[in-house]
């Protein structure tokens, strides 16, 4: 932030930047929770060893519904349905499934029902977020579909979010730099409580 920005901005630019930094760190934490690669980043749900996998069949509305059932069944067959089960995917997948039906007759219920960020899929709560992978499948732009018992996932945080004010880097011009630091990791109690699939919503 330059000196002029700090003097002329209303509301105060420092507060705006600080709030934006906190929001961006939260968004990155969401993305890492689902798909962090490990190493210097958290190991996200998709990369956790032992989670289930289901190949999503997009040939008809019937098989799409069966794919959702297969995700539920994968968790249950592993004796890992030890809490409230739900689905999480992208808004584009939600849009696709709202136009598909549980059987071949369009008079039957849609695979996905409900409005807003929470809906229903296969009788369970279903949520959408843009913070999960949308470019899987080797260039086919397949989107992730996660399902599981989310109480079996944990986010560990060491300390609090630190927003540090650096008055020295831009001292010659009277500017100010803000930096944010957050130490976190992701773990699961029972990997079998989660399952992942993927599909191209435009296919």
N, C-alpha and C. Protein backbone atom coordinates (compact mmCIF):
# COMPACT_ATOMS: atom_id res chain seq x y z
N UNK A 1 0.85 -1.18 0.00
CA UNK A 1 0.00 0.00 0.00
C UNK A 1 0.88 1.23 0.00
N UNK A 2 0.66 2.11 -0.95
CA UNK A 2 1.47 3.32 -1.00
C UNK A 2 0.99 4.32 0.04
N UNK A 3 1.86 5.30 0.30
CA UNK A 3 1.50 6.34 1.26
C UNK A 3 0.27 7.11 0.80
N UNK A 4 0.21 7.38 -0.51
CA UNK A 4 -0.93 8.13 -1.04
C UNK A 4 -2.24 7.35 -0.89
N UNK A 5 -2.18 6.04 -1.14
CA UNK A 5 -3.37 5.21 -0.95
C UNK A 5 -3.86 5.30 0.48
N UNK A 6 -2.94 5.26 1.44
CA UNK A 6 -3.33 5.29 2.85
C UNK A 6 -3.92 6.63 3.26
N UNK A 7 -3.42 7.69 2.64
CA UNK A 7 -3.91 9.03 2.98
C UNK A 7 -5.26 9.34 2.34
N UNK A 8 -5.47 8.87 1.12
CA UNK A 8 -6.62 9.29 0.34
C UNK A 8 -7.80 8.32 0.37
N UNK A 9 -7.58 7.11 0.82
CA UNK A 9 -8.64 6.09 0.73
C UNK A 9 -9.64 6.21 1.87
N UNK A 10 -10.92 6.02 1.51
CA UNK A 10 -12.00 5.97 2.49
C UNK A 10 -12.98 4.90 2.01
N UNK A 11 -13.25 3.80 2.76
CA UNK A 11 -12.67 3.56 4.10
C UNK A 11 -11.17 3.27 4.03
N UNK A 12 -10.55 3.17 5.19
CA UNK A 12 -9.10 3.03 5.26
C UNK A 12 -8.64 1.82 4.46
N UNK A 13 -7.65 2.02 3.58
CA UNK A 13 -7.18 0.95 2.72
C UNK A 13 -6.58 -0.20 3.53
N UNK A 14 -5.95 0.11 4.67
CA UNK A 14 -5.32 -0.96 5.46
C UNK A 14 -6.35 -1.98 5.91
N UNK A 15 -7.52 -1.51 6.37
CA UNK A 15 -8.57 -2.43 6.79
C UNK A 15 -9.10 -3.25 5.63
N UNK A 16 -9.25 -2.63 4.45
CA UNK A 16 -9.72 -3.36 3.28
C UNK A 16 -8.74 -4.45 2.88
N UNK A 17 -7.46 -4.10 2.84
CA UNK A 17 -6.44 -5.08 2.45
C UNK A 17 -6.35 -6.19 3.49
N UNK A 18 -6.41 -5.83 4.75
CA UNK A 18 -6.34 -6.84 5.82
C UNK A 18 -7.50 -7.83 5.69
N UNK A 19 -8.72 -7.32 5.49
CA UNK A 19 -9.89 -8.21 5.35
C UNK A 19 -9.79 -9.06 4.10
N UNK A 20 -9.29 -8.48 3.00
CA UNK A 20 -9.11 -9.26 1.78
C UNK A 20 -8.09 -10.35 1.94
N UNK A 21 -7.01 -10.06 2.67
CA UNK A 21 -5.98 -11.06 2.92
C UNK A 21 -6.53 -12.22 3.74
N UNK A 22 -7.30 -11.91 4.76
CA UNK A 22 -7.91 -12.96 5.59
C UNK A 22 -8.86 -13.81 4.75
N UNK A 23 -9.66 -13.18 3.90
CA UNK A 23 -10.60 -13.92 3.04
C UNK A 23 -9.84 -14.84 2.09
N UNK A 24 -8.76 -14.33 1.47
CA UNK A 24 -8.01 -15.14 0.52
C UNK A 24 -7.35 -16.34 1.19
N UNK A 25 -6.84 -16.15 2.40
CA UNK A 25 -6.25 -17.28 3.12
C UNK A 25 -7.32 -18.33 3.41
N UNK A 26 -8.53 -17.89 3.78
CA UNK A 26 -9.62 -18.83 4.01
C UNK A 26 -9.99 -19.62 2.76
N UNK A 27 -10.01 -18.95 1.61
CA UNK A 27 -10.32 -19.63 0.35
C UNK A 27 -9.25 -20.66 0.00
N UNK A 28 -8.00 -20.30 0.22
CA UNK A 28 -6.91 -21.25 -0.06
C UNK A 28 -6.96 -22.43 0.91
N UNK A 29 -7.35 -22.18 2.14
CA UNK A 29 -7.49 -23.29 3.10
C UNK A 29 -8.60 -24.24 2.66
N UNK A 30 -9.73 -23.70 2.18
CA UNK A 30 -10.80 -24.54 1.64
C UNK A 30 -10.27 -25.42 0.52
N UNK A 31 -9.56 -24.81 -0.43
CA UNK A 31 -9.04 -25.56 -1.58
C UNK A 31 -8.05 -26.63 -1.12
N UNK A 32 -7.19 -26.31 -0.15
CA UNK A 32 -6.22 -27.28 0.34
C UNK A 32 -6.90 -28.42 1.08
N UNK A 33 -8.02 -28.13 1.78
CA UNK A 33 -8.75 -29.17 2.49
C UNK A 33 -9.20 -30.27 1.52
N UNK A 34 -9.69 -29.87 0.36
CA UNK A 34 -10.17 -30.86 -0.60
C UNK A 34 -9.06 -31.45 -1.46
N UNK A 35 -8.05 -30.63 -1.84
CA UNK A 35 -7.13 -31.10 -2.87
C UNK A 35 -5.69 -30.69 -2.62
N UNK A 36 -5.32 -30.44 -1.38
CA UNK A 36 -3.93 -30.11 -1.09
C UNK A 36 -3.01 -31.26 -1.46
N UNK A 37 -1.83 -30.92 -2.00
CA UNK A 37 -0.93 -31.95 -2.53
C UNK A 37 0.03 -32.50 -1.50
N UNK A 38 0.03 -31.98 -0.30
CA UNK A 38 0.99 -32.43 0.69
C UNK A 38 2.31 -31.69 0.56
N UNK A 39 3.33 -32.15 1.24
CA UNK A 39 4.61 -31.44 1.22
C UNK A 39 4.49 -30.16 2.04
N UNK A 40 4.71 -29.02 1.40
CA UNK A 40 4.58 -27.74 2.08
C UNK A 40 3.13 -27.28 2.19
N UNK A 41 2.21 -28.03 1.60
CA UNK A 41 0.78 -27.75 1.69
C UNK A 41 0.11 -28.88 2.45
N UNK A 42 -1.08 -28.65 3.00
CA UNK A 42 -1.81 -29.75 3.63
C UNK A 42 -2.10 -30.87 2.62
N UNK A 43 -2.25 -32.08 3.11
CA UNK A 43 -2.66 -33.21 2.28
C UNK A 43 -4.18 -33.26 2.28
N UNK A 44 -4.78 -32.86 1.16
CA UNK A 44 -6.22 -32.76 1.07
C UNK A 44 -6.92 -34.11 1.03
N UNK A 45 -8.24 -34.08 1.11
CA UNK A 45 -9.04 -35.31 1.14
C UNK A 45 -8.74 -36.18 -0.07
N UNK A 46 -8.66 -35.59 -1.26
CA UNK A 46 -8.45 -36.39 -2.48
C UNK A 46 -7.12 -37.13 -2.46
N UNK A 47 -6.13 -36.60 -1.75
CA UNK A 47 -4.81 -37.22 -1.72
C UNK A 47 -4.58 -38.09 -0.49
N UNK A 48 -5.58 -38.21 0.37
CA UNK A 48 -5.43 -39.05 1.56
C UNK A 48 -5.39 -40.53 1.15
N UNK A 49 -4.47 -41.27 1.71
CA UNK A 49 -4.35 -42.70 1.42
C UNK A 49 -5.56 -43.46 1.97
N UNK A 50 -6.18 -44.28 1.14
CA UNK A 50 -7.24 -45.16 1.60
C UNK A 50 -8.65 -44.70 1.32
N UNK A 51 -8.85 -43.49 0.75
CA UNK A 51 -10.22 -43.09 0.46
C UNK A 51 -10.73 -43.88 -0.75
N UNK A 52 -12.05 -44.01 -0.85
CA UNK A 52 -12.65 -44.76 -1.93
C UNK A 52 -12.69 -43.99 -3.24
N UNK A 53 -12.93 -44.71 -4.32
CA UNK A 53 -13.01 -44.11 -5.65
C UNK A 53 -14.14 -44.77 -6.43
N UNK A 54 -14.92 -43.96 -7.13
CA UNK A 54 -16.02 -44.46 -7.96
C UNK A 54 -15.90 -43.82 -9.34
N UNK A 55 -16.00 -44.62 -10.40
CA UNK A 55 -16.02 -44.11 -11.76
C UNK A 55 -17.43 -43.64 -12.10
N UNK A 56 -17.57 -42.35 -12.35
CA UNK A 56 -18.90 -41.78 -12.63
C UNK A 56 -19.29 -42.09 -14.07
N UNK A 57 -20.46 -42.68 -14.24
CA UNK A 57 -20.95 -43.06 -15.58
C UNK A 57 -21.92 -41.99 -16.04
N UNK A 58 -21.61 -41.34 -17.17
CA UNK A 58 -22.43 -40.23 -17.65
C UNK A 58 -23.28 -40.61 -18.86
N UNK A 59 -23.58 -41.90 -19.05
CA UNK A 59 -24.30 -42.30 -20.27
C UNK A 59 -25.78 -42.01 -20.21
N UNK A 60 -26.37 -41.89 -19.03
CA UNK A 60 -27.81 -41.61 -18.94
C UNK A 60 -28.14 -41.11 -17.54
N UNK A 61 -29.34 -40.56 -17.38
CA UNK A 61 -29.77 -40.13 -16.07
C UNK A 61 -29.79 -41.26 -15.06
N UNK A 62 -30.21 -42.45 -15.49
CA UNK A 62 -30.26 -43.60 -14.58
C UNK A 62 -28.88 -43.92 -14.04
N UNK A 63 -27.87 -44.01 -14.94
CA UNK A 63 -26.54 -44.39 -14.48
C UNK A 63 -25.91 -43.27 -13.65
N UNK A 64 -26.25 -42.02 -13.89
CA UNK A 64 -25.73 -40.95 -13.04
C UNK A 64 -26.26 -41.10 -11.61
N UNK A 65 -27.52 -41.43 -11.47
CA UNK A 65 -28.08 -41.65 -10.14
C UNK A 65 -27.42 -42.85 -9.48
N UNK A 66 -27.19 -43.90 -10.26
CA UNK A 66 -26.53 -45.07 -9.72
C UNK A 66 -25.09 -44.77 -9.28
N UNK A 67 -24.44 -43.83 -9.96
CA UNK A 67 -23.09 -43.44 -9.56
C UNK A 67 -23.11 -42.80 -8.18
N UNK A 68 -24.10 -41.95 -7.93
CA UNK A 68 -24.23 -41.36 -6.61
C UNK A 68 -24.49 -42.43 -5.55
N UNK A 69 -25.33 -43.40 -5.89
CA UNK A 69 -25.59 -44.51 -4.97
C UNK A 69 -24.31 -45.31 -4.72
N UNK A 70 -23.50 -45.49 -5.77
CA UNK A 70 -22.26 -46.25 -5.61
C UNK A 70 -21.30 -45.57 -4.65
N UNK A 71 -21.31 -44.25 -4.62
CA UNK A 71 -20.45 -43.53 -3.67
C UNK A 71 -20.90 -43.81 -2.24
N UNK A 72 -22.20 -43.73 -2.01
CA UNK A 72 -22.74 -44.06 -0.69
C UNK A 72 -22.39 -45.49 -0.30
N UNK A 73 -22.58 -46.41 -1.25
CA UNK A 73 -22.36 -47.82 -0.98
C UNK A 73 -20.90 -48.12 -0.67
N UNK A 74 -19.98 -47.43 -1.35
CA UNK A 74 -18.55 -47.64 -1.11
C UNK A 74 -18.20 -47.36 0.34
N UNK A 75 -18.74 -46.28 0.89
CA UNK A 75 -18.47 -45.93 2.29
C UNK A 75 -19.13 -46.94 3.22
N UNK A 76 -20.38 -47.28 2.93
CA UNK A 76 -21.11 -48.20 3.81
C UNK A 76 -20.48 -49.59 3.81
N UNK A 77 -20.03 -50.06 2.64
CA UNK A 77 -19.44 -51.40 2.55
C UNK A 77 -18.14 -51.49 3.33
N UNK A 78 -17.49 -50.36 3.58
CA UNK A 78 -16.25 -50.36 4.36
C UNK A 78 -16.51 -50.14 5.85
N UNK A 79 -17.79 -50.23 6.25
CA UNK A 79 -18.18 -50.00 7.65
C UNK A 79 -17.72 -48.63 8.14
N UNK A 80 -17.74 -47.64 7.23
CA UNK A 80 -17.21 -46.32 7.57
C UNK A 80 -18.28 -45.24 7.55
N UNK A 81 -19.56 -45.63 7.46
CA UNK A 81 -20.65 -44.65 7.52
C UNK A 81 -21.01 -44.40 8.98
N UNK A 82 -20.08 -43.70 9.66
CA UNK A 82 -20.17 -43.57 11.12
C UNK A 82 -20.67 -42.18 11.53
N UNK A 83 -21.43 -41.57 10.68
CA UNK A 83 -21.98 -40.25 10.98
C UNK A 83 -22.80 -39.76 9.81
N UNK A 84 -23.04 -38.45 9.77
CA UNK A 84 -23.90 -37.87 8.74
C UNK A 84 -23.15 -37.78 7.42
N UNK A 85 -23.70 -38.41 6.40
CA UNK A 85 -23.10 -38.53 5.07
C UNK A 85 -23.63 -37.41 4.18
N UNK A 86 -22.77 -36.84 3.34
CA UNK A 86 -23.23 -35.84 2.38
C UNK A 86 -22.25 -35.74 1.21
N UNK A 87 -22.69 -35.05 0.16
CA UNK A 87 -21.91 -34.87 -1.06
C UNK A 87 -21.43 -33.42 -1.17
N UNK A 88 -20.29 -33.24 -1.85
CA UNK A 88 -19.78 -31.89 -2.17
C UNK A 88 -19.24 -31.92 -3.60
N UNK A 89 -19.67 -30.95 -4.41
CA UNK A 89 -19.17 -30.86 -5.78
C UNK A 89 -19.21 -29.41 -6.23
N UNK A 90 -19.11 -29.19 -7.53
CA UNK A 90 -19.06 -27.83 -8.06
C UNK A 90 -20.46 -27.38 -8.51
N UNK A 91 -20.67 -26.07 -8.65
CA UNK A 91 -21.95 -25.59 -9.18
C UNK A 91 -22.27 -26.14 -10.57
N UNK A 92 -21.24 -26.38 -11.39
CA UNK A 92 -21.49 -26.90 -12.74
C UNK A 92 -22.02 -28.33 -12.71
N UNK A 93 -21.49 -29.15 -11.80
CA UNK A 93 -22.01 -30.51 -11.66
C UNK A 93 -23.45 -30.46 -11.13
N UNK A 94 -23.70 -29.59 -10.17
CA UNK A 94 -25.08 -29.42 -9.69
C UNK A 94 -26.01 -29.07 -10.84
N UNK A 95 -25.58 -28.12 -11.69
CA UNK A 95 -26.41 -27.75 -12.83
C UNK A 95 -26.69 -28.92 -13.75
N UNK A 96 -25.69 -29.75 -13.97
CA UNK A 96 -25.90 -30.92 -14.83
C UNK A 96 -26.91 -31.89 -14.21
N UNK A 97 -26.74 -32.17 -12.91
CA UNK A 97 -27.58 -33.17 -12.27
C UNK A 97 -29.01 -32.69 -12.05
N UNK A 98 -29.21 -31.38 -12.03
CA UNK A 98 -30.58 -30.88 -11.95
C UNK A 98 -31.35 -31.16 -13.23
N UNK A 99 -30.63 -31.38 -14.32
CA UNK A 99 -31.27 -31.70 -15.59
C UNK A 99 -31.31 -33.18 -15.90
N UNK A 100 -30.86 -34.01 -14.98
CA UNK A 100 -30.91 -35.46 -15.13
C UNK A 100 -31.94 -36.03 -14.17
N UNK A 101 -32.41 -37.23 -14.48
CA UNK A 101 -33.51 -37.79 -13.70
C UNK A 101 -33.13 -39.17 -13.18
N UNK A 102 -33.79 -39.57 -12.10
CA UNK A 102 -33.43 -40.83 -11.46
C UNK A 102 -33.75 -42.04 -12.32
N UNK A 103 -34.58 -41.87 -13.31
CA UNK A 103 -34.84 -42.90 -14.31
C UNK A 103 -35.06 -42.19 -15.63
N UNK A 104 -35.37 -42.94 -16.67
CA UNK A 104 -35.37 -42.37 -18.02
C UNK A 104 -36.57 -41.48 -18.30
N UNK A 105 -37.60 -41.50 -17.48
CA UNK A 105 -38.78 -40.66 -17.69
C UNK A 105 -38.58 -39.31 -17.01
N UNK A 106 -38.76 -38.24 -17.76
CA UNK A 106 -38.51 -36.90 -17.22
C UNK A 106 -39.54 -36.48 -16.18
N UNK A 107 -40.57 -37.28 -15.98
CA UNK A 107 -41.56 -36.96 -14.95
C UNK A 107 -41.09 -37.36 -13.56
N UNK A 108 -39.99 -38.13 -13.50
CA UNK A 108 -39.46 -38.57 -12.22
C UNK A 108 -38.57 -37.49 -11.62
N UNK A 109 -38.24 -37.56 -10.32
CA UNK A 109 -37.43 -36.52 -9.70
C UNK A 109 -36.06 -36.37 -10.35
N UNK A 110 -35.55 -35.14 -10.31
CA UNK A 110 -34.19 -34.90 -10.79
C UNK A 110 -33.18 -35.55 -9.84
N UNK A 111 -32.00 -35.87 -10.36
CA UNK A 111 -30.95 -36.47 -9.53
C UNK A 111 -30.57 -35.53 -8.40
N UNK A 112 -30.49 -34.22 -8.69
CA UNK A 112 -30.18 -33.21 -7.69
C UNK A 112 -31.40 -32.33 -7.52
N UNK A 113 -31.82 -32.10 -6.31
CA UNK A 113 -32.96 -31.24 -6.04
C UNK A 113 -32.59 -30.19 -5.00
N UNK A 114 -33.38 -29.14 -4.93
CA UNK A 114 -33.15 -28.09 -3.94
C UNK A 114 -32.54 -26.85 -4.56
N UNK A 115 -32.55 -25.77 -3.78
CA UNK A 115 -32.02 -24.49 -4.23
C UNK A 115 -30.87 -24.04 -3.34
N UNK A 116 -30.10 -23.08 -3.85
CA UNK A 116 -29.01 -22.52 -3.06
C UNK A 116 -27.81 -23.45 -2.98
N UNK A 117 -26.91 -23.14 -2.06
CA UNK A 117 -25.67 -23.91 -1.96
C UNK A 117 -25.89 -25.29 -1.36
N UNK A 118 -27.03 -25.52 -0.69
CA UNK A 118 -27.34 -26.84 -0.15
C UNK A 118 -28.50 -27.43 -0.92
N UNK A 119 -28.34 -28.66 -1.38
CA UNK A 119 -29.41 -29.37 -2.06
C UNK A 119 -29.52 -30.77 -1.51
N UNK A 120 -30.10 -31.65 -2.34
CA UNK A 120 -30.24 -33.05 -1.95
C UNK A 120 -29.87 -33.93 -3.13
N UNK A 121 -29.08 -34.95 -2.84
CA UNK A 121 -28.64 -35.92 -3.84
C UNK A 121 -28.72 -37.30 -3.22
N UNK A 122 -29.49 -38.19 -3.83
CA UNK A 122 -29.62 -39.55 -3.32
C UNK A 122 -30.11 -39.57 -1.88
N UNK A 123 -30.96 -38.60 -1.51
CA UNK A 123 -31.52 -38.56 -0.18
C UNK A 123 -30.63 -37.94 0.88
N UNK A 124 -29.44 -37.49 0.50
CA UNK A 124 -28.50 -36.89 1.44
C UNK A 124 -28.28 -35.41 1.09
N UNK A 125 -27.80 -34.66 2.06
CA UNK A 125 -27.45 -33.27 1.80
C UNK A 125 -26.32 -33.22 0.77
N UNK A 126 -26.38 -32.21 -0.08
CA UNK A 126 -25.36 -32.03 -1.12
C UNK A 126 -25.01 -30.54 -1.19
N UNK A 127 -23.73 -30.26 -1.25
CA UNK A 127 -23.23 -28.89 -1.19
C UNK A 127 -22.40 -28.57 -2.42
N UNK A 128 -22.27 -27.28 -2.71
CA UNK A 128 -21.44 -26.86 -3.83
C UNK A 128 -20.41 -25.84 -3.36
N UNK A 129 -19.26 -25.85 -4.02
CA UNK A 129 -18.21 -24.88 -3.79
C UNK A 129 -17.35 -24.79 -5.05
N UNK A 130 -16.74 -23.65 -5.26
CA UNK A 130 -15.79 -23.50 -6.37
C UNK A 130 -14.36 -23.79 -5.94
N UNK A 131 -14.18 -24.25 -4.70
CA UNK A 131 -12.84 -24.47 -4.18
C UNK A 131 -12.40 -25.93 -4.26
N UNK A 132 -12.94 -26.66 -5.23
CA UNK A 132 -12.49 -28.04 -5.45
C UNK A 132 -12.09 -28.20 -6.91
N UNK A 133 -11.32 -29.25 -7.24
CA UNK A 133 -10.74 -29.36 -8.59
C UNK A 133 -11.78 -29.36 -9.70
N UNK A 134 -11.44 -28.64 -10.79
CA UNK A 134 -12.31 -28.58 -11.97
C UNK A 134 -11.55 -28.83 -13.26
N UNK A 135 -10.31 -29.28 -13.15
CA UNK A 135 -9.49 -29.50 -14.35
C UNK A 135 -8.82 -30.86 -14.30
N UNK A 136 -9.55 -31.87 -13.84
CA UNK A 136 -9.01 -33.23 -13.77
C UNK A 136 -9.22 -33.95 -15.10
N UNK A 137 -8.74 -35.17 -15.17
CA UNK A 137 -9.00 -36.00 -16.35
C UNK A 137 -8.09 -35.74 -17.52
N UNK A 138 -6.89 -35.23 -17.28
CA UNK A 138 -5.93 -35.06 -18.38
C UNK A 138 -6.40 -34.10 -19.45
N UNK A 139 -6.92 -32.97 -19.06
CA UNK A 139 -7.36 -31.98 -20.03
C UNK A 139 -8.82 -32.06 -20.41
N UNK A 140 -9.57 -32.98 -19.79
CA UNK A 140 -11.00 -33.10 -20.11
C UNK A 140 -11.87 -32.25 -19.19
N UNK A 141 -11.23 -31.47 -18.31
CA UNK A 141 -11.95 -30.56 -17.42
C UNK A 141 -13.01 -31.27 -16.59
N UNK A 142 -12.62 -32.40 -16.02
CA UNK A 142 -13.54 -33.11 -15.14
C UNK A 142 -13.53 -32.47 -13.76
N UNK A 143 -14.71 -32.40 -13.14
CA UNK A 143 -14.87 -31.79 -11.83
C UNK A 143 -14.97 -32.87 -10.76
N UNK A 144 -14.46 -32.55 -9.59
CA UNK A 144 -14.52 -33.50 -8.48
C UNK A 144 -15.93 -33.61 -7.91
N UNK A 145 -16.27 -34.82 -7.48
CA UNK A 145 -17.44 -35.08 -6.65
C UNK A 145 -16.93 -35.81 -5.41
N UNK A 146 -17.07 -35.19 -4.26
CA UNK A 146 -16.67 -35.81 -3.00
C UNK A 146 -17.92 -36.25 -2.25
N UNK A 147 -17.79 -37.30 -1.48
CA UNK A 147 -18.85 -37.71 -0.58
C UNK A 147 -18.21 -38.34 0.64
N UNK A 148 -18.89 -38.21 1.76
CA UNK A 148 -18.32 -38.82 2.94
C UNK A 148 -18.98 -38.36 4.23
N UNK A 149 -18.41 -38.81 5.30
CA UNK A 149 -18.84 -38.45 6.64
C UNK A 149 -17.85 -37.38 7.12
N UNK A 150 -18.24 -36.13 7.01
CA UNK A 150 -17.28 -35.04 7.15
C UNK A 150 -16.80 -34.84 8.59
N UNK A 151 -17.51 -35.42 9.55
CA UNK A 151 -17.02 -35.35 10.92
C UNK A 151 -15.73 -36.15 11.10
N UNK A 152 -15.40 -36.99 10.12
CA UNK A 152 -14.19 -37.79 10.19
C UNK A 152 -12.98 -37.07 9.59
N UNK A 153 -13.15 -35.83 9.18
CA UNK A 153 -12.04 -35.01 8.68
C UNK A 153 -11.70 -33.95 9.72
N UNK A 154 -10.43 -33.63 9.83
CA UNK A 154 -9.98 -32.66 10.82
C UNK A 154 -9.04 -31.64 10.17
N UNK A 155 -9.19 -30.40 10.57
CA UNK A 155 -8.26 -29.35 10.19
C UNK A 155 -7.52 -28.91 11.45
N UNK A 156 -6.21 -29.12 11.46
CA UNK A 156 -5.41 -28.71 12.60
C UNK A 156 -4.84 -27.32 12.36
N UNK A 157 -4.94 -26.47 13.35
CA UNK A 157 -4.39 -25.12 13.27
C UNK A 157 -3.46 -24.88 14.44
N UNK A 158 -2.25 -24.39 14.14
CA UNK A 158 -1.28 -24.08 15.17
C UNK A 158 -1.23 -22.56 15.34
N UNK A 159 -1.67 -22.11 16.49
CA UNK A 159 -1.73 -20.67 16.70
C UNK A 159 -2.91 -20.07 15.95
N UNK A 160 -2.83 -18.79 15.71
CA UNK A 160 -3.91 -18.07 15.04
C UNK A 160 -3.36 -17.48 13.74
N UNK A 161 -4.27 -16.95 12.93
CA UNK A 161 -3.85 -16.26 11.72
C UNK A 161 -3.06 -15.00 12.11
N UNK A 162 -1.82 -14.95 11.65
CA UNK A 162 -0.98 -13.78 11.93
C UNK A 162 -0.98 -12.85 10.72
N UNK A 163 -1.39 -11.62 10.94
CA UNK A 163 -1.28 -10.59 9.91
C UNK A 163 -0.20 -9.63 10.40
N UNK A 164 0.94 -9.65 9.71
CA UNK A 164 2.09 -8.86 10.14
C UNK A 164 2.21 -7.59 9.30
N UNK A 165 2.46 -6.50 9.97
CA UNK A 165 2.63 -5.21 9.31
C UNK A 165 4.12 -4.94 9.14
N UNK A 166 4.53 -4.75 7.89
CA UNK A 166 5.93 -4.46 7.55
C UNK A 166 6.03 -2.98 7.17
N UNK A 167 6.63 -2.18 8.06
CA UNK A 167 6.76 -0.75 7.82
C UNK A 167 8.11 -0.39 7.19
N UNK A 168 8.93 -1.41 6.92
CA UNK A 168 10.30 -1.14 6.50
C UNK A 168 10.54 -1.35 5.01
N UNK A 169 9.87 -2.34 4.41
CA UNK A 169 10.14 -2.64 3.00
C UNK A 169 9.90 -1.42 2.10
N UNK A 170 8.85 -0.66 2.37
CA UNK A 170 8.51 0.51 1.57
C UNK A 170 8.73 1.80 2.36
N UNK A 171 9.62 1.75 3.33
CA UNK A 171 9.80 2.90 4.23
C UNK A 171 10.24 4.15 3.49
N UNK A 172 11.07 4.01 2.44
CA UNK A 172 11.57 5.18 1.73
C UNK A 172 10.46 6.00 1.10
N UNK A 173 9.34 5.33 0.74
CA UNK A 173 8.22 6.03 0.10
C UNK A 173 7.02 6.19 1.03
N UNK A 174 7.17 5.75 2.28
CA UNK A 174 6.06 5.87 3.23
C UNK A 174 4.98 4.82 3.05
N UNK A 175 5.27 3.75 2.31
CA UNK A 175 4.29 2.70 2.08
C UNK A 175 4.25 1.68 3.20
N UNK A 176 3.37 0.70 3.03
CA UNK A 176 3.15 -0.31 4.06
C UNK A 176 2.87 -1.65 3.39
N UNK A 177 3.42 -2.72 3.95
CA UNK A 177 3.19 -4.07 3.43
C UNK A 177 2.55 -4.93 4.52
N UNK A 178 1.51 -5.68 4.15
CA UNK A 178 0.89 -6.64 5.07
C UNK A 178 1.18 -8.06 4.59
N UNK A 179 1.51 -8.93 5.53
CA UNK A 179 1.73 -10.34 5.20
C UNK A 179 0.92 -11.20 6.16
N UNK A 180 0.34 -12.29 5.61
CA UNK A 180 -0.45 -13.19 6.45
C UNK A 180 0.20 -14.57 6.55
N UNK A 181 0.13 -15.16 7.74
CA UNK A 181 0.72 -16.48 7.99
C UNK A 181 -0.30 -17.33 8.74
N UNK A 182 -0.50 -18.58 8.25
CA UNK A 182 -1.40 -19.51 8.93
C UNK A 182 -0.82 -20.90 8.82
N UNK A 183 -0.62 -21.57 9.95
CA UNK A 183 -0.08 -22.93 9.97
C UNK A 183 -1.23 -23.91 10.16
N UNK A 184 -1.47 -24.74 9.14
CA UNK A 184 -2.60 -25.67 9.17
C UNK A 184 -2.21 -27.01 8.55
N UNK A 185 -3.00 -28.03 8.83
CA UNK A 185 -2.87 -29.32 8.16
C UNK A 185 -4.23 -30.01 8.18
N UNK A 186 -4.37 -31.02 7.34
CA UNK A 186 -5.61 -31.77 7.21
C UNK A 186 -5.33 -33.24 7.50
N UNK A 187 -6.20 -33.89 8.24
CA UNK A 187 -6.08 -35.32 8.53
C UNK A 187 -7.47 -35.94 8.56
N UNK A 188 -7.52 -37.26 8.44
CA UNK A 188 -8.80 -37.97 8.53
C UNK A 188 -8.68 -39.06 9.58
N UNK A 189 -9.77 -39.27 10.31
CA UNK A 189 -9.80 -40.37 11.28
C UNK A 189 -9.92 -41.70 10.58
N UNK A 190 -10.86 -41.79 9.63
CA UNK A 190 -11.09 -43.02 8.86
C UNK A 190 -11.14 -42.65 7.39
N UNK A 191 -10.09 -42.99 6.66
CA UNK A 191 -10.04 -42.64 5.23
C UNK A 191 -11.20 -43.27 4.47
N UNK A 192 -11.66 -44.46 4.93
CA UNK A 192 -12.74 -45.15 4.23
C UNK A 192 -14.08 -44.43 4.34
N UNK A 193 -14.13 -43.39 5.18
CA UNK A 193 -15.36 -42.61 5.30
C UNK A 193 -15.53 -41.62 4.16
N UNK A 194 -14.58 -41.60 3.21
CA UNK A 194 -14.63 -40.65 2.10
C UNK A 194 -14.45 -41.36 0.77
N UNK A 195 -15.07 -40.79 -0.25
CA UNK A 195 -14.99 -41.34 -1.59
C UNK A 195 -14.96 -40.19 -2.58
N UNK A 196 -14.25 -40.39 -3.68
CA UNK A 196 -14.09 -39.35 -4.70
C UNK A 196 -14.47 -39.89 -6.07
N UNK A 197 -15.11 -39.04 -6.85
CA UNK A 197 -15.38 -39.34 -8.25
C UNK A 197 -15.17 -38.07 -9.04
N UNK A 198 -15.29 -38.16 -10.36
CA UNK A 198 -15.10 -36.97 -11.18
C UNK A 198 -15.84 -37.14 -12.50
N UNK A 199 -16.30 -36.02 -13.06
CA UNK A 199 -16.97 -36.04 -14.35
C UNK A 199 -16.88 -34.67 -14.98
N UNK A 200 -17.00 -34.65 -16.30
CA UNK A 200 -17.07 -33.40 -17.04
C UNK A 200 -18.52 -32.99 -17.13
N UNK A 201 -18.93 -31.89 -16.46
CA UNK A 201 -20.33 -31.53 -16.46
C UNK A 201 -20.86 -31.10 -17.81
N UNK A 202 -19.95 -30.80 -18.75
CA UNK A 202 -20.39 -30.38 -20.08
C UNK A 202 -20.39 -31.52 -21.08
N UNK A 203 -19.98 -32.72 -20.65
CA UNK A 203 -19.90 -33.86 -21.58
C UNK A 203 -21.27 -34.35 -21.98
